[in-house]
Amino acid sequence: MPDIVISNEGSVRRIRLNRPEKKNALTLAMYETMATAIEEAGSEPNVRCLLLAGSPEIFCAGNDLNDFVEMARSGALGAPIVRFLHVLARCQKPVVASVSGAAVGIGTTMLLHCDQVIASDTAVLLTPFVSLGLLPEAGSSLIAPRLMGHARAFSLLVMGKPLSAEEAKASGIVTAIVPGADLDAHALAAAREIAALPPDSVASARRLMRGSVEEIVARIDEEVETFKTRLASPEAQTAFAAFFSRKR
């Protein structure tokens, strides 16, 4: 099975992370596949809603740290990552996420671009960027404070404090919490409900509600440039070395 499974279920395109043996940690190839699936959906009128999903045990453990180490050596953030972030921010189709278990790093920040997030009662959101000598990405430094308020966003993005499903719902990230066994069905039902609405009206309302996409993209690019510097920093190098020594 591929690491990303893409299926069209009526007017809903499901993009499922399928690397459970690595806790759905994202490789550069996975970013590329997801970006292409989202981008192509934009020109397919039969696709009216996107559904991002993970495995029953875990949504996404964030970036594959082996890729991070290589990027730190080269001093560049992988082009597929930047492409995915731009495509997700510019996506004109509504996006639903189905989250079970841990959503780490980009696993959390991508949810900020979703219109509905259906979570299981086991969901936990965590962004350990700063503890790795890095910083928040995916436009989260702009979107999260607007959504949650500065203090709660600081706790999540800078202090790395985890959010339970209930806390994420209270913060405005999660829309609904359901039992794990019912998660896929509820998330698909939400996506189908959106897909059944008049698509042009949905697109217009969504555009107005989201505000300036260019502002979000500009913040993503600003984060990317700082991220590159942080990857090569002594703080990040020390944090990565400590992480891999613990894994041995």
C-alpha atoms as a PDB file:
ATOM      1  CA  MET A   1       0.000   0.000   0.000  1.00  0.00           C
ATOM      2  CA  PRO A   2       1.251   3.531  -0.743  1.00  0.00           C
ATOM      3  CA  ASP A   3       2.060   5.952   2.074  1.00  0.00           C
ATOM      4  CA  ILE A   4      -0.773   8.212   0.869  1.00  0.00           C
ATOM      5  CA  VAL A   5      -4.042   6.627  -0.242  1.00  0.00           C
ATOM      6  CA  ILE A   6      -6.284   8.821  -2.398  1.00  0.00           C
ATOM      7  CA  SER A   7      -9.861   7.843  -3.126  1.00  0.00           C
ATOM      8  CA  ASN A   8     -12.854   9.673  -4.557  1.00  0.00           C
ATOM      9  CA  GLU A   9     -16.043   8.764  -2.704  1.00  0.00           C
ATOM     10  CA  GLY A  10     -18.738  10.483  -4.679  1.00  0.00           C
ATOM     11  CA  SER A  11     -18.036  14.207  -4.488  1.00  0.00           C
ATOM     12  CA  VAL A  12     -15.547  13.791  -1.612  1.00  0.00           C
ATOM     13  CA  ARG A  13     -11.831  13.207  -2.171  1.00  0.00           C
ATOM     14  CA  ARG A  14     -10.280  11.388   0.766  1.00  0.00           C
ATOM     15  CA  ILE A  15      -6.518  11.791   1.289  1.00  0.00           C
ATOM     16  CA  ARG A  16      -5.413   9.280   3.897  1.00  0.00           C
ATOM     17  CA  LEU A  17      -1.980   9.123   5.532  1.00  0.00           C
ATOM     18  CA  ASN A  18      -0.989   5.462   5.422  1.00  0.00           C
ATOM     19  CA  ARG A  19       2.410   5.027   7.021  1.00  0.00           C
ATOM     20  CA  PRO A  20       1.314   3.638  10.401  1.00  0.00           C
ATOM     21  CA  GLU A  21       4.600   1.803  11.044  1.00  0.00           C
ATOM     22  CA  LYS A  22       6.245   5.266  11.202  1.00  0.00           C
ATOM     23  CA  LYS A  23       3.265   6.904  12.924  1.00  0.00           C
ATOM     24  CA  ASN A  24       2.367   8.633   9.664  1.00  0.00           C
ATOM     25  CA  ALA A  25       5.458  10.841   9.832  1.00  0.00           C
ATOM     26  CA  LEU A  26       5.549  12.794   6.576  1.00  0.00           C
ATOM     27  CA  THR A  27       8.323  12.282   4.042  1.00  0.00           C
ATOM     28  CA  LEU A  28       9.045  14.655   1.176  1.00  0.00           C
ATOM     29  CA  ALA A  29       7.380  12.218  -1.216  1.00  0.00           C
ATOM     30  CA  MET A  30       4.231  12.193   0.905  1.00  0.00           C
ATOM     31  CA  TYR A  31       4.105  15.997   0.874  1.00  0.00           C
ATOM     32  CA  GLU A  32       4.413  15.925  -2.910  1.00  0.00           C
ATOM     33  CA  THR A  33       1.592  13.405  -3.287  1.00  0.00           C
ATOM     34  CA  MET A  34      -0.748  15.328  -0.992  1.00  0.00           C
ATOM     35  CA  ALA A  35      -0.025  18.624  -2.738  1.00  0.00           C
ATOM     36  CA  THR A  36      -0.791  17.098  -6.133  1.00  0.00           C
ATOM     37  CA  ALA A  37      -4.042  15.528  -4.887  1.00  0.00           C
ATOM     38  CA  ILE A  38      -5.244  18.843  -3.451  1.00  0.00           C
ATOM     39  CA  GLU A  39      -4.128  20.859  -6.471  1.00  0.00           C
ATOM     40  CA  GLU A  40      -5.809  18.540  -8.963  1.00  0.00           C
ATOM     41  CA  ALA A  41      -9.046  18.610  -6.944  1.00  0.00           C
ATOM     42  CA  GLY A  42      -9.228  22.330  -7.621  1.00  0.00           C
ATOM     43  CA  SER A  43      -9.787  21.726 -11.322  1.00  0.00           C
ATOM     44  CA  GLU A  44     -12.165  18.781 -10.909  1.00  0.00           C
ATOM     45  CA  PRO A  45     -15.777  20.031 -10.600  1.00  0.00           C
ATOM     46  CA  ASN A  46     -16.974  16.647  -9.396  1.00  0.00           C
ATOM     47  CA  VAL A  47     -14.793  16.975  -6.267  1.00  0.00           C
ATOM     48  CA  ARG A  48     -16.584  19.351  -3.915  1.00  0.00           C
ATOM     49  CA  CYS A  49     -14.877  18.626  -0.599  1.00  0.00           C
ATOM     50  CA  LEU A  50     -11.560  17.211   0.595  1.00  0.00           C
ATOM     51  CA  LEU A  51     -11.181  14.885   3.571  1.00  0.00           C
ATOM     52  CA  LEU A  52      -7.793  14.514   5.283  1.00  0.00           C
ATOM     53  CA  ALA A  53      -7.504  11.377   7.384  1.00  0.00           C
ATOM     54  CA  GLY A  54      -4.915   9.333   9.250  1.00  0.00           C
ATOM     55  CA  SER A  55      -4.819   5.869  10.787  1.00  0.00           C
ATOM     56  CA  PRO A  56      -7.116   4.699  13.592  1.00  0.00           C
ATOM     57  CA  GLU A  57      -4.235   4.872  16.084  1.00  0.00           C
ATOM     58  CA  ILE A  58      -2.594   8.124  14.974  1.00  0.00           C
ATOM     59  CA  PHE A  59      -3.248  11.039  12.675  1.00  0.00           C
ATOM     60  CA  CYS A  60       0.294  12.270  12.012  1.00  0.00           C
ATOM     61  CA  ALA A  61       3.563  12.322  13.972  1.00  0.00           C
ATOM     62  CA  GLY A  62       4.771  15.377  12.064  1.00  0.00           C
ATOM     63  CA  ASN A  63       7.754  15.561   9.746  1.00  0.00           C
ATOM     64  CA  ASP A  64      10.093  12.621   9.296  1.00  0.00           C
ATOM     65  CA  LEU A  65      13.071  13.762  11.382  1.00  0.00           C
ATOM     66  CA  ASN A  66      15.517  11.961   9.120  1.00  0.00           C
ATOM     67  CA  ASP A  67      14.457  14.414   6.401  1.00  0.00           C
ATOM     68  CA  PHE A  68      14.911  17.261   8.874  1.00  0.00           C
ATOM     69  CA  VAL A  69      18.475  16.204   9.554  1.00  0.00           C
ATOM     70  CA  GLU A  70      19.241  16.138   5.826  1.00  0.00           C
ATOM     71  CA  MET A  71      17.637  19.544   5.373  1.00  0.00           C
ATOM     72  CA  ALA A  72      19.667  20.927   8.265  1.00  0.00           C
ATOM     73  CA  ARG A  73      22.836  19.742   6.533  1.00  0.00           C
ATOM     74  CA  SER A  74      21.825  21.367   3.248  1.00  0.00           C
ATOM     75  CA  GLY A  75      20.486  24.544   4.838  1.00  0.00           C
ATOM     76  CA  ALA A  76      17.233  24.359   2.834  1.00  0.00           C
ATOM     77  CA  LEU A  77      13.668  23.370   3.590  1.00  0.00           C
ATOM     78  CA  GLY A  78      12.456  20.682   1.188  1.00  0.00           C
ATOM     79  CA  ALA A  79      10.618  22.118  -1.810  1.00  0.00           C
ATOM     80  CA  PRO A  80       7.759  19.565  -1.489  1.00  0.00           C
ATOM     81  CA  ILE A  81       7.017  20.856   2.026  1.00  0.00           C
ATOM     82  CA  VAL A  82       6.786  24.456   0.848  1.00  0.00           C
ATOM     83  CA  ARG A  83       4.674  23.409  -2.129  1.00  0.00           C
ATOM     84  CA  PHE A  84       2.250  21.529   0.130  1.00  0.00           C
ATOM     85  CA  LEU A  85       1.901  24.496   2.501  1.00  0.00           C
ATOM     86  CA  HIS A  86       1.181  26.860  -0.403  1.00  0.00           C
ATOM     87  CA  VAL A  87      -1.314  24.475  -2.015  1.00  0.00           C
ATOM     88  CA  LEU A  88      -3.140  23.899   1.269  1.00  0.00           C
ATOM     89  CA  ALA A  89      -3.361  27.628   1.983  1.00  0.00           C
ATOM     90  CA  ARG A  90      -4.607  28.380  -1.544  1.00  0.00           C
ATOM     91  CA  CYS A  91      -7.038  25.444  -1.697  1.00  0.00           C
ATOM     92  CA  GLN A  92     -10.430  26.708  -2.892  1.00  0.00           C
ATOM     93  CA  LYS A  93     -12.348  23.560  -1.992  1.00  0.00           C
ATOM     94  CA  PRO A  94     -13.582  23.071   1.592  1.00  0.00           C
ATOM     95  CA  VAL A  95     -11.454  20.753   3.712  1.00  0.00           C
ATOM     96  CA  VAL A  96     -12.537  18.391   6.499  1.00  0.00           C
ATOM     97  CA  ALA A  97     -10.065  16.562   8.738  1.00  0.00           C
ATOM     98  CA  SER A  98     -10.586  13.289  10.578  1.00  0.00           C
ATOM     99  CA  VAL A  99      -8.220  13.094  13.570  1.00  0.00           C
ATOM    100  CA  SER A 100      -7.570  10.142  15.846  1.00  0.00           C
ATOM    101  CA  GLY A 101      -4.680   9.818  18.291  1.00  0.00           C
ATOM    102  CA  ALA A 102      -1.698  12.150  18.114  1.00  0.00           C
ATOM    103  CA  ALA A 103      -1.450  15.079  15.705  1.00  0.00           C
ATOM    104  CA  VAL A 104       2.112  16.365  16.076  1.00  0.00           C
ATOM    105  CA  GLY A 105       3.736  19.418  14.474  1.00  0.00           C
ATOM    106  CA  ILE A 106       2.431  19.781  10.935  1.00  0.00           C
ATOM    107  CA  GLY A 107      -0.201  17.227  11.976  1.00  0.00           C
ATOM    108  CA  THR A 108      -1.671  20.011  14.116  1.00  0.00           C
ATOM    109  CA  THR A 109      -0.859  23.098  12.062  1.00  0.00           C
ATOM    110  CA  MET A 110      -2.475  21.720   8.889  1.00  0.00           C
ATOM    111  CA  LEU A 111      -5.738  21.511  10.848  1.00  0.00           C
ATOM    112  CA  LEU A 112      -5.783  25.305  11.080  1.00  0.00           C
ATOM    113  CA  HIS A 113      -6.507  25.369   7.324  1.00  0.00           C
ATOM    114  CA  CYS A 114      -9.476  23.000   7.629  1.00  0.00           C
ATOM    115  CA  ASP A 115     -13.105  24.078   7.686  1.00  0.00           C
ATOM    116  CA  GLN A 116     -14.264  21.235   9.923  1.00  0.00           C
ATOM    117  CA  VAL A 117     -12.160  19.000  12.171  1.00  0.00           C
ATOM    118  CA  ILE A 118     -13.824  15.851  13.474  1.00  0.00           C
ATOM    119  CA  ALA A 119     -11.772  14.253  16.251  1.00  0.00           C
ATOM    120  CA  SER A 120     -11.950  11.032  18.186  1.00  0.00           C
ATOM    121  CA  ASP A 121     -11.937  11.199  21.970  1.00  0.00           C
ATOM    122  CA  THR A 122      -8.313   9.969  21.855  1.00  0.00           C
ATOM    123  CA  ALA A 123      -7.046  12.917  19.796  1.00  0.00           C
ATOM    124  CA  VAL A 124      -4.121  14.923  21.185  1.00  0.00           C
ATOM    125  CA  LEU A 125      -2.631  17.979  19.448  1.00  0.00           C
ATOM    126  CA  LEU A 126       1.027  18.778  20.078  1.00  0.00           C
ATOM    127  CA  THR A 127       3.532  21.158  18.452  1.00  0.00           C
ATOM    128  CA  PRO A 128       7.041  20.646  19.889  1.00  0.00           C
ATOM    129  CA  PHE A 129       8.690  23.084  17.467  1.00  0.00           C
ATOM    130  CA  VAL A 130      10.507  25.298  19.941  1.00  0.00           C
ATOM    131  CA  SER A 131      11.775  22.386  22.042  1.00  0.00           C
ATOM    132  CA  LEU A 132      13.529  21.186  18.854  1.00  0.00           C
ATOM    133  CA  GLY A 133      15.088  24.613  18.324  1.00  0.00           C
ATOM    134  CA  LEU A 134      12.624  25.385  15.520  1.00  0.00           C
ATOM    135  CA  LEU A 135       9.502  27.523  15.174  1.00  0.00           C
ATOM    136  CA  PRO A 136       5.848  27.158  14.155  1.00  0.00           C
ATOM    137  CA  GLU A 137       5.072  26.754  10.445  1.00  0.00           C
ATOM    138  CA  ALA A 138       2.174  26.417   7.969  1.00  0.00           C
ATOM    139  CA  GLY A 139       1.057  29.966   8.724  1.00  0.00           C
ATOM    140  CA  SER A 140       0.207  28.907  12.287  1.00  0.00           C
ATOM    141  CA  SER A 141       1.972  31.920  13.801  1.00  0.00           C
ATOM    142  CA  LEU A 142      -0.704  34.044  12.097  1.00  0.00           C
ATOM    143  CA  ILE A 143      -3.767  31.798  12.168  1.00  0.00           C
ATOM    144  CA  ALA A 144      -3.546  30.273  15.658  1.00  0.00           C
ATOM    145  CA  PRO A 145      -3.476  33.548  17.654  1.00  0.00           C
ATOM    146  CA  ARG A 146      -6.459  34.804  15.652  1.00  0.00           C
ATOM    147  CA  LEU A 147      -8.376  31.613  16.316  1.00  0.00           C
ATOM    148  CA  MET A 148      -7.358  30.869  19.909  1.00  0.00           C
ATOM    149  CA  GLY A 149      -6.081  34.144  21.292  1.00  0.00           C
ATOM    150  CA  HIS A 150      -2.409  34.891  21.932  1.00  0.00           C
ATOM    151  CA  ALA A 151      -2.055  33.156  25.296  1.00  0.00           C
ATOM    152  CA  ARG A 152      -3.496  29.797  24.252  1.00  0.00           C
ATOM    153  CA  ALA A 153      -1.631  29.903  20.938  1.00  0.00           C
ATOM    154  CA  PHE A 154       1.610  30.632  22.809  1.00  0.00           C
ATOM    155  CA  SER A 155       1.008  27.652  25.101  1.00  0.00           C
ATOM    156  CA  LEU A 156       0.499  25.373  22.101  1.00  0.00           C
ATOM    157  CA  LEU A 157       3.054  26.694  19.609  1.00  0.00           C
ATOM    158  CA  VAL A 158       5.861  27.950  21.840  1.00  0.00           C
ATOM    159  CA  MET A 159       5.553  26.110  25.145  1.00  0.00           C
ATOM    160  CA  GLY A 160       4.532  22.889  23.387  1.00  0.00           C
ATOM    161  CA  LYS A 161       1.696  22.110  25.788  1.00  0.00           C
ATOM    162  CA  PRO A 162      -0.575  19.390  24.355  1.00  0.00           C
ATOM    163  CA  LEU A 163      -4.278  19.911  23.744  1.00  0.00           C
ATOM    164  CA  SER A 164      -6.736  17.121  24.433  1.00  0.00           C
ATOM    165  CA  ALA A 165      -9.674  16.726  22.078  1.00  0.00           C
ATOM    166  CA  GLU A 166     -11.884  18.640  24.508  1.00  0.00           C
ATOM    167  CA  GLU A 167      -9.315  21.438  24.886  1.00  0.00           C
ATOM    168  CA  ALA A 168      -8.879  21.656  21.122  1.00  0.00           C
ATOM    169  CA  LYS A 169     -12.644  21.946  20.733  1.00  0.00           C
ATOM    170  CA  ALA A 170     -12.787  24.718  23.343  1.00  0.00           C
ATOM    171  CA  SER A 171      -9.970  26.476  21.459  1.00  0.00           C
ATOM    172  CA  GLY A 172     -11.914  26.434  18.197  1.00  0.00           C
ATOM    173  CA  ILE A 173      -9.687  23.973  16.315  1.00  0.00           C
ATOM    174  CA  VAL A 174     -11.891  20.884  16.643  1.00  0.00           C
ATOM    175  CA  THR A 175     -15.521  21.007  15.527  1.00  0.00           C
ATOM    176  CA  ALA A 176     -16.872  17.784  17.022  1.00  0.00           C
ATOM    177  CA  ILE A 177     -15.645  14.855  19.132  1.00  0.00           C
ATOM    178  CA  VAL A 178     -16.913  11.346  18.450  1.00  0.00           C
ATOM    179  CA  PRO A 179     -15.995   7.818  19.577  1.00  0.00           C
ATOM    180  CA  GLY A 180     -13.033   6.410  17.658  1.00  0.00           C
ATOM    181  CA  ALA A 181     -15.079   3.619  16.124  1.00  0.00           C
ATOM    182  CA  ASP A 182     -17.431   6.183  14.577  1.00  0.00           C
ATOM    183  CA  LEU A 183     -14.806   8.703  13.426  1.00  0.00           C
ATOM    184  CA  ASP A 184     -14.563   7.792   9.743  1.00  0.00           C
ATOM    185  CA  ALA A 185     -18.326   7.703   9.328  1.00  0.00           C
ATOM    186  CA  HIS A 186     -18.868  11.069  11.039  1.00  0.00           C
ATOM    187  CA  ALA A 187     -16.051  12.757   9.114  1.00  0.00           C
ATOM    188  CA  LEU A 188     -17.305  11.441   5.778  1.00  0.00           C
ATOM    189  CA  ALA A 189     -20.844  12.524   6.654  1.00  0.00           C
ATOM    190  CA  ALA A 190     -19.598  16.051   7.412  1.00  0.00           C
ATOM    191  CA  ALA A 191     -17.701  16.171   4.110  1.00  0.00           C
ATOM    192  CA  ARG A 192     -20.737  14.917   2.194  1.00  0.00           C
ATOM    193  CA  GLU A 193     -22.972  17.491   3.887  1.00  0.00           C
ATOM    194  CA  ILE A 194     -20.651  20.261   2.711  1.00  0.00           C
ATOM    195  CA  ALA A 195     -20.329  18.729  -0.758  1.00  0.00           C
ATOM    196  CA  ALA A 196     -24.127  18.722  -1.139  1.00  0.00           C
ATOM    197  CA  LEU A 197     -24.297  22.526  -0.761  1.00  0.00           C
ATOM    198  CA  PRO A 198     -24.214  24.839  -3.812  1.00  0.00           C
ATOM    199  CA  PRO A 199     -20.460  24.837  -4.585  1.00  0.00           C
ATOM    200  CA  ASP A 200     -20.145  28.420  -5.832  1.00  0.00           C
ATOM    201  CA  SER A 201     -21.906  29.750  -2.760  1.00  0.00           C
ATOM    202  CA  VAL A 202     -19.665  27.645  -0.523  1.00  0.00           C
ATOM    203  CA  ALA A 203     -16.567  28.928  -2.306  1.00  0.00           C
ATOM    204  CA  SER A 204     -17.649  32.571  -2.014  1.00  0.00           C
ATOM    205  CA  ALA A 205     -18.586  32.309   1.663  1.00  0.00           C
ATOM    206  CA  ARG A 206     -15.387  30.434   2.484  1.00  0.00           C
ATOM    207  CA  ARG A 207     -13.244  33.014   0.680  1.00  0.00           C
ATOM    208  CA  LEU A 208     -14.811  35.868   2.627  1.00  0.00           C
ATOM    209  CA  MET A 209     -14.527  34.039   5.950  1.00  0.00           C
ATOM    210  CA  ARG A 210     -10.875  33.105   5.491  1.00  0.00           C
ATOM    211  CA  GLY A 211      -9.738  36.598   4.583  1.00  0.00           C
ATOM    212  CA  SER A 212      -6.589  37.299   2.594  1.00  0.00           C
ATOM    213  CA  VAL A 213      -4.962  34.123   1.331  1.00  0.00           C
ATOM    214  CA  GLU A 214      -1.965  36.173   0.208  1.00  0.00           C
ATOM    215  CA  GLU A 215      -1.432  37.301   3.796  1.00  0.00           C
ATOM    216  CA  ILE A 216      -1.356  33.665   4.913  1.00  0.00           C
ATOM    217  CA  VAL A 217       1.002  32.673   2.099  1.00  0.00           C
ATOM    218  CA  ALA A 218       3.281  35.600   2.919  1.00  0.00           C
ATOM    219  CA  ARG A 219       3.427  34.455   6.557  1.00  0.00           C
ATOM    220  CA  ILE A 220       4.177  30.881   5.444  1.00  0.00           C
ATOM    221  CA  ASP A 221       7.086  32.201   3.363  1.00  0.00           C
ATOM    222  CA  GLU A 222       8.359  34.296   6.278  1.00  0.00           C
ATOM    223  CA  GLU A 223       8.193  31.251   8.547  1.00  0.00           C
ATOM    224  CA  VAL A 224      10.002  29.145   5.909  1.00  0.00           C
ATOM    225  CA  GLU A 225      12.929  31.561   5.713  1.00  0.00           C
ATOM    226  CA  THR A 226      13.290  31.658   9.493  1.00  0.00           C
ATOM    227  CA  PHE A 227      12.816  27.883   9.664  1.00  0.00           C
ATOM    228  CA  LYS A 228      15.796  27.386   7.349  1.00  0.00           C
ATOM    229  CA  THR A 229      17.967  29.439   9.700  1.00  0.00           C
ATOM    230  CA  ARG A 230      16.692  27.575  12.731  1.00  0.00           C
ATOM    231  CA  LEU A 231      17.368  24.164  11.135  1.00  0.00           C
ATOM    232  CA  ALA A 232      21.068  25.007  10.929  1.00  0.00           C
ATOM    233  CA  SER A 233      21.194  26.578  14.410  1.00  0.00           C
ATOM    234  CA  PRO A 234      23.191  25.056  17.299  1.00  0.00           C
ATOM    235  CA  GLU A 235      19.939  24.748  19.289  1.00  0.00           C
ATOM    236  CA  ALA A 236      18.307  22.610  16.610  1.00  0.00           C
ATOM    237  CA  GLN A 237      21.440  20.534  16.014  1.00  0.00           C
ATOM    238  CA  THR A 238      21.670  19.776  19.737  1.00  0.00           C
ATOM    239  CA  ALA A 239      17.977  18.920  19.953  1.00  0.00           C
ATOM    240  CA  PHE A 240      18.148  16.553  16.962  1.00  0.00           C
ATOM    241  CA  ALA A 241      21.247  14.825  18.344  1.00  0.00           C
ATOM    242  CA  ALA A 242      19.510  14.322  21.677  1.00  0.00           C
ATOM    243  CA  PHE A 243      16.395  12.966  19.979  1.00  0.00           C
ATOM    244  CA  PHE A 244      18.262  10.395  17.913  1.00  0.00           C
ATOM    245  CA  SER A 245      20.436   9.323  20.848  1.00  0.00           C
ATOM    246  CA  ARG A 246      17.262   8.558  22.795  1.00  0.00           C
ATOM    247  CA  LYS A 247      15.959   6.442  19.888  1.00  0.00           C
ATOM    248  CA  ARG A 248      19.057   4.237  19.788  1.00  0.00           C
END
